[in-house]
C-alpha cells in the first residue's frame, strides 16, 4: 500500500505503507513516515522556517508507534508556535550534553578508560604498562587535569615539544597514543571537532619529521638501550670518579647527592642509604635501597676509607684533616669525556626514567619516588605518606640487573 494523502491514517494503514519517500499520515500537519530504498521506515516531522524546509527525525518505526510519533510532532509544533526551531533546540541540547560530559571527564581519566578498554585486545601486559607509563610521565603532568573536550593543539604541543628532539622515539609514540585517546573521547561523545594530535595535515606542518631530526653531537642523556654496554666499559675504568658515576647511575641519584655522601648515611647491613633532608633538592629525607652492585661499590670503598666522605677527592687538604673533601662537580663529567660518551651525569636519571616507562610494569609513582621527585599535586602529596620503599627495592634490583646484563652475559 502507498499513501501520500493528507487523510489521517490508522495504525493498520501505517503498517502497510511501502512507497519509497515521505508519506503523510495525517493527524498532525507535517508528520510522515519515510521509507528508504532499503525498506527501513522512520518518522519525520516536516516544517518550514523562513521559507526553508526542514525534516526532523522522530525515531524509527515500529519502535516509535503512530501515537508516540503524533505526540512528538505536536510538541515540535508547540515549539514552532513559540518561535523556537526544534531541530536547533535539540542540537543546542546535544552540544550542552557534550560540554557537560567533557567537563566531567579529564584527560587522565579518559586515558585510563581508553587503555582499560584496549587491554583485553593488546598482546601483553608489558605493552599496556608502557602506554600507562608514557602517558603518566609526559602527558598527565601537563594536561591530566584538563577536561578532555578542551584539549587543543597548544596543549598537545606543550606535551610533545619539550621532548620531540631529545627523546624523539618516545615523543613519536606518545603523540600516537594521545591521538588514540582523543579519538576514543570523540567517539564516546566527550569532545567534538578534529583531533589536535593527528600527524598528517596538522602536526607534520609544525614538528619536524622524526626520521629527519638530526642527531645532536652531545646528547645530555644516554638512550637506555645503550646503557648495558656503557656500564660494562665504566666498570673497567679506574678511579674514584668512575665509581661515583657508576654508583650514581645504579641509584638514579643526582651527582651532588652522591658526591656529598658520608659514611654515617649508610646502613650496609640492611643495604640502605638515607640522604638527610638538608642534602635533598625537595628538602625531604630520601631512603634508597642499594642493589647488589651498588652495595658492593660502597663495601669495597669502606675498606680503604680515610675520611667521612664515601667518594672523597684525591686532592685532600694539606693540613691532613680527617674530614677530607668530596669529589668536585666536574669529576664525574670528566669520566664521561674520557670515555667519549655524549652524555652528562644528570642525564642518567632521564635514562632511568625512560627505561621505567618503556620497559617495565612499575607504576608511575614508584619511578617518581625512586627519583625523589616532589609531588606537585598538593592533594596527592597529602595522602601519599609512605615512600613505597619495598616496591622501589625491587625496581632498583631490576635496574641493576638490566644495567649489568652485558657484564653477566
Protein backbone atom coordinates (compact mmCIF):
# COMPACT_ATOMS: atom_id res chain seq x y z
CA UNK A 1 0.00 0.00 0.00
CA UNK A 2 1.21 3.53 -0.74
CA UNK A 3 -0.05 6.82 0.70
CA UNK A 4 0.73 10.47 0.13
CA UNK A 5 -2.69 11.93 1.00
CA UNK A 6 -3.44 14.19 3.98
CA UNK A 7 -6.14 11.83 5.29
CA UNK A 8 -5.45 10.67 8.84
CA UNK A 9 -4.33 7.06 8.78
CA UNK A 10 -4.77 4.46 11.48
CA UNK A 11 -2.13 2.10 12.86
CA UNK A 12 -3.05 -0.70 10.44
CA UNK A 13 -2.84 1.56 7.40
CA UNK A 14 0.51 2.92 8.54
CA UNK A 15 1.89 -0.62 8.90
CA UNK A 16 1.09 -1.23 5.22
CA UNK A 17 2.90 1.83 3.85
CA UNK A 18 5.71 0.76 1.48
CA UNK A 19 6.03 3.62 -1.02
CA UNK A 20 9.59 4.98 -1.05
CA UNK A 21 9.99 8.51 0.25
CA UNK A 22 7.91 10.71 2.54
CA UNK A 23 4.33 9.53 3.24
CA UNK A 24 1.89 11.84 5.05
CA UNK A 25 -0.08 10.06 7.78
CA UNK A 26 -2.38 12.94 8.77
CA UNK A 27 -3.46 13.85 12.27
CA UNK A 28 -0.62 16.37 12.76
CA UNK A 29 0.44 18.66 9.93
CA UNK A 30 3.89 17.75 8.64
CA UNK A 31 4.05 14.27 10.19
CA UNK A 32 5.02 11.50 7.83
CA UNK A 33 6.61 8.07 7.54
CA UNK A 34 9.76 8.00 5.44
CA UNK A 35 10.63 4.76 3.61
CA UNK A 36 14.20 4.34 2.32
CA UNK A 37 15.40 2.39 -0.71
CA UNK A 38 16.37 -0.47 1.60
CA UNK A 39 12.84 -0.55 3.03
CA UNK A 40 13.59 0.79 6.51
CA UNK A 41 10.99 3.18 7.90
CA UNK A 42 11.23 6.15 10.25
CA UNK A 43 9.13 9.06 11.42
CA UNK A 44 9.79 12.55 10.07
CA UNK A 45 8.27 15.88 11.08
CA UNK A 46 8.49 18.29 8.12
CA UNK A 47 8.17 22.05 8.61
CA UNK A 48 9.37 25.39 7.20
CA UNK A 49 11.20 28.32 8.81
CA UNK A 50 11.84 31.48 6.80
CA UNK A 51 10.94 29.59 3.64
CA UNK A 52 13.46 26.83 4.34
CA UNK A 53 12.15 23.28 4.60
CA UNK A 54 13.48 21.15 7.41
CA UNK A 55 13.00 17.49 8.24
CA UNK A 56 13.20 16.49 11.89
CA UNK A 57 13.69 12.81 12.66
CA UNK A 58 11.44 11.43 15.38
CA UNK A 59 12.71 7.86 15.53
CA UNK A 60 12.33 4.56 13.75
CA UNK A 61 9.12 2.69 13.06
CA UNK A 62 7.74 0.50 14.64
CA UNK A 63 9.90 1.23 17.73
CA UNK A 64 8.14 4.59 17.83
CA UNK A 65 4.40 3.96 17.41
CA UNK A 66 2.00 6.14 15.46
CA UNK A 67 0.56 7.57 18.69
CA UNK A 68 4.02 8.39 20.02
CA UNK A 69 5.05 9.99 16.73
CA UNK A 70 1.97 12.24 16.86
CA UNK A 71 2.82 13.35 20.40
CA UNK A 72 6.39 14.20 19.35
CA UNK A 73 5.17 16.10 16.29
CA UNK A 74 2.64 18.08 18.38
CA UNK A 75 5.39 19.01 20.86
CA UNK A 76 7.54 20.24 17.95
CA UNK A 77 4.58 22.28 16.62
CA UNK A 78 4.23 23.98 20.01
CA UNK A 79 7.93 24.91 19.91
CA UNK A 80 7.44 26.43 16.46
CA UNK A 81 4.48 28.50 17.72
CA UNK A 82 6.81 29.88 20.42
CA UNK A 83 9.38 30.90 17.82
CA UNK A 84 11.72 28.01 18.68
CA UNK A 85 13.28 25.84 15.98
CA UNK A 86 13.01 22.30 17.46
CA UNK A 87 15.98 20.99 15.46
CA UNK A 88 18.24 23.81 16.63
CA UNK A 89 17.00 23.35 20.19
CA UNK A 90 17.94 19.65 20.03
CA UNK A 91 21.36 20.50 18.61
CA UNK A 92 21.96 23.03 21.39
CA UNK A 93 20.91 20.45 23.98
CA UNK A 94 23.32 17.93 22.46
CA UNK A 95 26.17 20.46 22.47
CA UNK A 96 25.49 21.20 26.13
CA UNK A 97 25.41 17.49 26.94
CA UNK A 98 28.77 17.00 25.21
CA UNK A 99 30.23 20.01 27.03
CA UNK A 100 28.94 18.71 30.37
CA UNK A 101 30.36 15.25 29.68
CA UNK A 102 33.70 16.68 28.65
CA UNK A 103 33.90 18.88 31.73
CA UNK A 104 33.20 15.85 33.92
CA UNK A 105 35.98 13.76 32.33
CA UNK A 106 39.57 14.96 32.39
CA UNK A 107 42.35 13.71 30.12
CA UNK A 108 43.91 11.47 32.78
CA UNK A 109 40.64 9.63 33.37
CA UNK A 110 39.95 9.43 29.62
CA UNK A 111 43.39 7.87 29.10
CA UNK A 112 42.72 5.34 31.84
CA UNK A 113 39.35 4.36 30.38
CA UNK A 114 40.76 4.02 26.86
CA UNK A 115 43.68 1.85 27.99
CA UNK A 116 41.35 -0.28 30.12
CA UNK A 117 39.09 -0.78 27.09
CA UNK A 118 42.02 -1.89 24.93
CA UNK A 119 43.79 -4.06 27.49
CA UNK A 120 41.94 -7.28 26.50
CA UNK A 121 42.91 -6.68 22.85
CA UNK A 122 46.58 -5.82 23.28
CA UNK A 123 49.09 -8.64 23.20
CA UNK A 124 50.74 -8.47 26.60
CA UNK A 125 50.76 -6.65 29.92
CA UNK A 126 54.12 -5.04 29.17
CA UNK A 127 52.61 -3.16 26.23
CA UNK A 128 49.74 -1.97 28.43
CA UNK A 129 52.14 -0.74 31.10
CA UNK A 130 54.25 1.09 28.51
CA UNK A 131 51.14 3.00 27.50
CA UNK A 132 50.30 3.87 31.09
CA UNK A 133 53.87 4.90 31.94
CA UNK A 134 54.44 7.20 28.96
CA UNK A 135 51.06 8.90 29.44
CA UNK A 136 51.62 9.28 33.21
CA UNK A 137 55.20 10.52 32.77
CA UNK A 138 54.84 13.04 29.98
CA UNK A 139 51.16 13.87 29.37
CA UNK A 140 49.46 13.79 32.78
CA UNK A 141 51.70 16.46 34.41
CA UNK A 142 50.80 18.88 31.60
CA UNK A 143 47.18 18.09 30.62
CA UNK A 144 45.99 15.37 33.02
CA UNK A 145 43.56 17.57 34.93
CA UNK A 146 42.21 19.30 31.82
CA UNK A 147 38.73 18.38 30.52
CA UNK A 148 39.34 16.01 27.61
CA UNK A 149 36.93 18.01 25.46
CA UNK A 150 39.10 21.12 25.86
CA UNK A 151 42.45 19.57 24.89
CA UNK A 152 43.66 21.52 21.86
CA UNK A 153 46.70 21.93 19.64
CA UNK A 154 48.50 24.20 22.11
CA UNK A 155 48.10 21.60 24.85
CA UNK A 156 49.37 18.73 22.69
CA UNK A 157 52.40 20.78 21.68
CA UNK A 158 53.09 21.62 25.34
CA UNK A 159 53.46 17.87 25.93
CA UNK A 160 55.42 16.97 22.81
CA UNK A 161 57.74 19.88 22.04
CA UNK A 162 59.94 19.61 25.18
CA UNK A 163 60.93 16.03 24.25
CA UNK A 164 60.46 15.98 20.46
CA UNK A 165 64.17 16.43 19.69
CA UNK A 166 65.77 14.90 22.77
CA UNK A 167 63.53 11.81 23.05
CA UNK A 168 62.17 11.59 19.54
CA UNK A 169 61.15 7.93 19.54
CA UNK A 170 59.32 8.24 22.86
CA UNK A 171 57.69 11.51 21.78
CA UNK A 172 56.50 10.00 18.49
CA UNK A 173 54.90 7.06 20.29
CA UNK A 174 53.36 9.44 22.82
CA UNK A 175 51.79 11.52 20.03
CA UNK A 176 50.11 8.44 18.57
CA UNK A 177 48.84 7.43 21.98
CA UNK A 178 47.36 10.85 22.69
CA UNK A 179 45.70 10.79 19.26
CA UNK A 180 44.08 7.43 20.02
CA UNK A 181 42.81 8.62 23.41
CA UNK A 182 41.27 11.76 21.89
CA UNK A 183 39.70 9.71 19.08
CA UNK A 184 38.14 7.46 21.72
CA UNK A 185 36.86 10.51 23.61
CA UNK A 186 35.26 11.86 20.43
CA UNK A 187 33.62 8.52 19.65
CA UNK A 188 32.21 8.47 23.18
CA UNK A 189 30.80 11.97 22.85
CA UNK A 190 33.24 13.69 25.19
CA UNK A 191 34.66 16.01 22.53
CA UNK A 192 33.90 17.36 19.07
CA UNK A 193 35.98 18.68 16.19
CA UNK A 194 39.23 17.49 14.68
CA UNK A 195 41.95 15.67 16.61
CA UNK A 196 44.77 18.07 17.63
CA UNK A 197 47.24 15.18 17.97
CA UNK A 198 46.91 13.90 14.41
CA UNK A 199 50.13 13.89 12.40
CA UNK A 200 49.14 14.14 8.74
CA UNK A 201 47.91 17.56 7.79
CA UNK A 202 48.49 19.11 11.22
CA UNK A 203 51.47 18.27 13.40
CA UNK A 204 53.58 17.35 10.36
CA UNK A 205 53.33 21.04 9.45
CA UNK A 206 54.59 22.13 12.87
CA UNK A 207 57.05 19.48 14.13
CA UNK A 208 60.00 18.08 12.17
CA UNK A 209 59.51 14.51 10.96
CA UNK A 210 61.07 12.07 13.47
CA UNK A 211 63.23 10.49 10.77
CA UNK A 212 64.66 13.84 9.74
CA UNK A 213 65.71 15.11 13.14
CA UNK A 214 69.49 15.40 13.10
CA UNK A 215 71.23 13.65 15.93
CA UNK A 216 72.86 16.07 18.31
CA UNK A 217 76.57 15.56 18.84
CA UNK A 218 76.29 15.83 22.60
CA UNK A 219 73.22 14.13 23.98
CA UNK A 220 72.54 15.00 27.59
CA UNK A 221 71.07 11.56 28.25
CA UNK A 222 72.22 8.16 27.05
CA UNK A 223 69.46 6.04 25.43
CA UNK A 224 68.61 3.20 27.79
CA UNK A 225 69.29 0.66 25.03
CA UNK A 226 72.97 1.70 25.15
CA UNK A 227 73.27 1.55 28.94
CA UNK A 228 74.39 -2.11 29.43
CA UNK A 229 77.34 -1.69 27.03
CA UNK A 230 78.23 1.63 28.69
CA UNK A 231 78.15 0.12 32.19
CA UNK A 232 80.44 -2.70 31.09
CA UNK A 233 83.03 -0.15 29.93
CA UNK A 234 82.51 2.03 33.00
CA UNK A 235 83.26 -0.91 35.31
CA UNK A 236 86.66 -1.18 33.64
CA UNK A 237 87.50 2.47 34.38
CA UNK A 238 89.79 3.15 37.34
CA UNK A 239 89.48 5.92 39.90
CA UNK A 240 87.05 7.37 42.42
CA UNK A 241 85.20 9.38 39.77
CA UNK A 242 84.33 6.23 37.82
CA UNK A 243 83.00 4.50 40.95
CA UNK A 244 80.96 7.56 41.92
CA UNK A 245 79.45 7.74 38.44
CA UNK A 246 78.63 4.03 38.45
CA UNK A 247 77.02 4.39 41.87
CA UNK A 248 75.03 7.43 40.69
CA UNK A 249 73.67 5.51 37.70
CA UNK A 250 72.66 2.50 39.79
CA UNK A 251 70.90 4.61 42.42
CA UNK A 252 69.38 7.12 39.91
CA UNK A 253 70.60 9.90 42.19
CA UNK A 254 71.83 13.40 41.47
CA UNK A 255 75.58 13.96 41.21
CA UNK A 256 75.66 16.24 44.25
CA UNK A 257 73.83 13.69 46.40
CA UNK A 258 76.42 11.03 45.53
CA UNK A 259 79.49 13.25 45.85
CA UNK A 260 78.35 14.51 49.24
CA UNK A 261 77.52 11.05 50.67
CA UNK A 262 79.04 10.35 54.09
CA UNK A 263 79.51 7.06 55.88
CA UNK A 264 77.00 7.83 58.60
CA UNK A 265 74.23 7.86 55.96
CA UNK A 266 74.69 4.16 55.18
CA UNK A 267 73.29 1.05 56.80
CA UNK A 268 75.30 -1.56 54.91
CA UNK A 269 73.77 -4.40 56.90
CA UNK A 270 70.31 -3.50 55.58
CA UNK A 271 71.61 -2.19 52.22
CA UNK A 272 70.00 1.22 52.74
CA UNK A 273 71.37 4.69 52.04
CA UNK A 274 69.46 7.51 53.76
CA UNK A 275 70.11 11.02 52.48
CA UNK A 276 69.11 13.65 55.05
CA UNK A 277 66.61 16.32 54.12
CA UNK A 278 69.18 19.13 54.12
CA UNK A 279 71.02 17.46 51.24
CA UNK A 280 67.93 16.80 49.10
CA UNK A 281 66.53 19.16 46.46
CA UNK A 282 62.98 18.65 47.81
CA UNK A 283 64.22 19.14 51.40
CA UNK A 284 62.80 15.77 52.38
CA UNK A 285 64.71 12.72 53.64
CA UNK A 286 65.20 10.11 50.94
CA UNK A 287 65.84 6.41 51.58
CA UNK A 288 67.49 4.46 48.77
CA UNK A 289 67.59 0.66 48.58
CA UNK A 290 71.03 -0.45 47.41
CA UNK A 291 71.22 -3.06 44.68
CA UNK A 292 73.86 -5.78 44.62
CA UNK A 293 76.42 -3.83 42.61
CA UNK A 294 75.73 -0.51 44.38
CA UNK A 295 76.27 -2.20 47.75
CA UNK A 296 79.47 -3.83 46.50
CA UNK A 297 80.88 -0.45 45.43
CA UNK A 298 80.30 1.07 48.86
CA UNK A 299 81.53 -2.03 50.71
CA UNK A 300 84.77 -2.05 48.73
CA UNK A 301 85.33 1.66 49.38
CA UNK A 302 84.74 1.20 53.11
CA UNK A 303 87.86 -0.95 53.28
CA UNK A 304 90.05 1.96 52.14
CA UNK A 305 88.09 4.82 53.72
CA UNK A 306 90.18 7.59 55.27
CA UNK A 307 87.61 10.37 55.80
CA UNK A 308 83.90 10.97 56.28
CA UNK A 309 83.11 11.08 52.54
CA UNK A 310 82.36 7.85 50.71
CA UNK A 311 83.65 9.31 47.44
CA UNK A 312 86.48 11.61 48.55
CA UNK A 313 88.61 13.80 46.31
CA UNK A 314 92.23 12.74 45.79
CA UNK A 315 93.23 16.37 46.42
CA UNK A 316 92.99 16.48 50.18
CA UNK A 317 93.74 19.48 52.42
CA UNK A 318 97.45 19.82 53.25
CA UNK A 319 96.60 20.13 56.92
CA UNK A 320 95.91 16.39 56.97
CA UNK A 321 92.39 16.93 58.29
CA UNK A 322 90.43 13.71 58.72
CA UNK A 323 87.39 15.44 57.28
CA UNK A 324 88.75 15.35 53.76
CA UNK A 325 86.82 16.77 50.79
CA UNK A 326 84.22 15.37 48.39
CA UNK A 327 84.78 14.92 44.67
CA UNK A 328 84.39 18.09 42.62
CA UNK A 329 81.31 18.59 40.47
CA UNK A 330 83.42 18.15 37.31
CA UNK A 331 84.92 14.77 38.19
CA UNK A 332 82.00 12.63 37.01
CA UNK A 333 81.66 14.62 33.78
CA UNK A 334 85.40 14.15 33.18
CA UNK A 335 84.93 10.36 33.29
CA UNK A 336 82.35 10.60 30.51
CA UNK A 337 84.63 12.80 28.42
CA UNK A 338 87.49 10.32 28.76
CA UNK A 339 85.16 7.55 27.65
CA UNK A 340 83.95 9.73 24.75
CA UNK A 341 80.34 9.27 25.85
CA UNK A 342 77.98 12.07 24.67
CA UNK A 343 76.06 12.45 27.94
CA UNK A 344 76.18 14.28 31.26
CA UNK A 345 75.90 12.67 34.71
CA UNK A 346 72.45 14.11 35.40
CA UNK A 347 71.19 12.66 32.12
CA UNK A 348 71.31 9.14 33.51
CA UNK A 349 68.26 10.00 35.63
CA UNK A 350 66.40 10.53 32.36
CA UNK A 351 67.83 7.26 31.07
CA UNK A 352 66.44 5.52 34.14
CA UNK A 353 63.04 7.22 33.78
CA UNK A 354 62.71 6.31 30.12
CA UNK A 355 63.63 2.70 30.89
CA UNK A 356 60.97 2.60 33.62
CA UNK A 357 58.32 3.96 31.26
CA UNK A 358 59.17 1.86 28.20
CA UNK A 359 60.50 -1.41 29.57
CA UNK A 360 58.87 -2.11 32.94
CA UNK A 361 55.45 -2.57 34.52
CA UNK A 362 56.17 -0.40 37.55
CA UNK A 363 53.56 2.30 38.29
CA UNK A 364 54.49 5.90 37.58
CA UNK A 365 54.55 6.85 41.27
CA UNK A 366 57.18 4.19 42.09
CA UNK A 367 59.57 5.53 39.45
CA UNK A 368 58.93 9.11 40.51
CA UNK A 369 59.58 8.21 44.15
CA UNK A 370 62.84 6.49 43.14
CA UNK A 371 63.94 9.80 41.58
CA UNK A 372 62.83 11.69 44.71
CA UNK A 373 60.69 14.00 42.62
CA UNK A 374 58.44 16.33 44.56
CA UNK A 375 54.69 15.74 44.21
CA UNK A 376 53.24 18.81 42.50
CA UNK A 377 49.63 17.90 43.29
CA UNK A 378 49.01 19.07 46.87
CA UNK A 379 46.06 16.74 47.41
CA UNK A 380 48.04 13.71 46.24
CA UNK A 381 51.01 14.78 48.37
CA UNK A 382 48.78 14.98 51.44
CA UNK A 383 47.58 11.41 51.02
CA UNK A 384 50.84 9.79 49.95
CA UNK A 385 52.58 9.37 53.30
CA UNK A 386 54.73 6.31 52.55
CA UNK A 387 57.83 6.13 50.37
CA UNK A 388 56.97 2.84 48.55
CA UNK A 389 60.31 1.53 49.78
CA UNK A 390 59.81 -2.20 49.19
CA UNK A 391 58.45 -1.63 45.69
CA UNK A 392 61.41 0.63 44.98
CA UNK A 393 63.80 -2.02 46.26
CA UNK A 394 62.61 -4.46 43.60
CA UNK A 395 62.72 -1.69 40.99
CA UNK A 396 66.36 -0.90 41.76
CA UNK A 397 67.26 -4.60 41.70
CA UNK A 398 65.72 -4.84 38.22
CA UNK A 399 67.57 -1.68 37.15
CA UNK A 400 70.85 -3.16 38.38
CA UNK A 401 70.15 -6.40 36.53
CA UNK A 402 69.40 -4.53 33.31
CA UNK A 403 72.42 -2.23 33.64
CA UNK A 404 74.72 -5.18 34.38
CA UNK A 405 73.29 -7.52 31.73
CA UNK A 406 76.29 -7.21 29.42
CA UNK A 407 78.66 -7.98 32.27
CA UNK A 408 76.83 -11.19 33.23
CA UNK A 409 76.35 -12.39 29.64
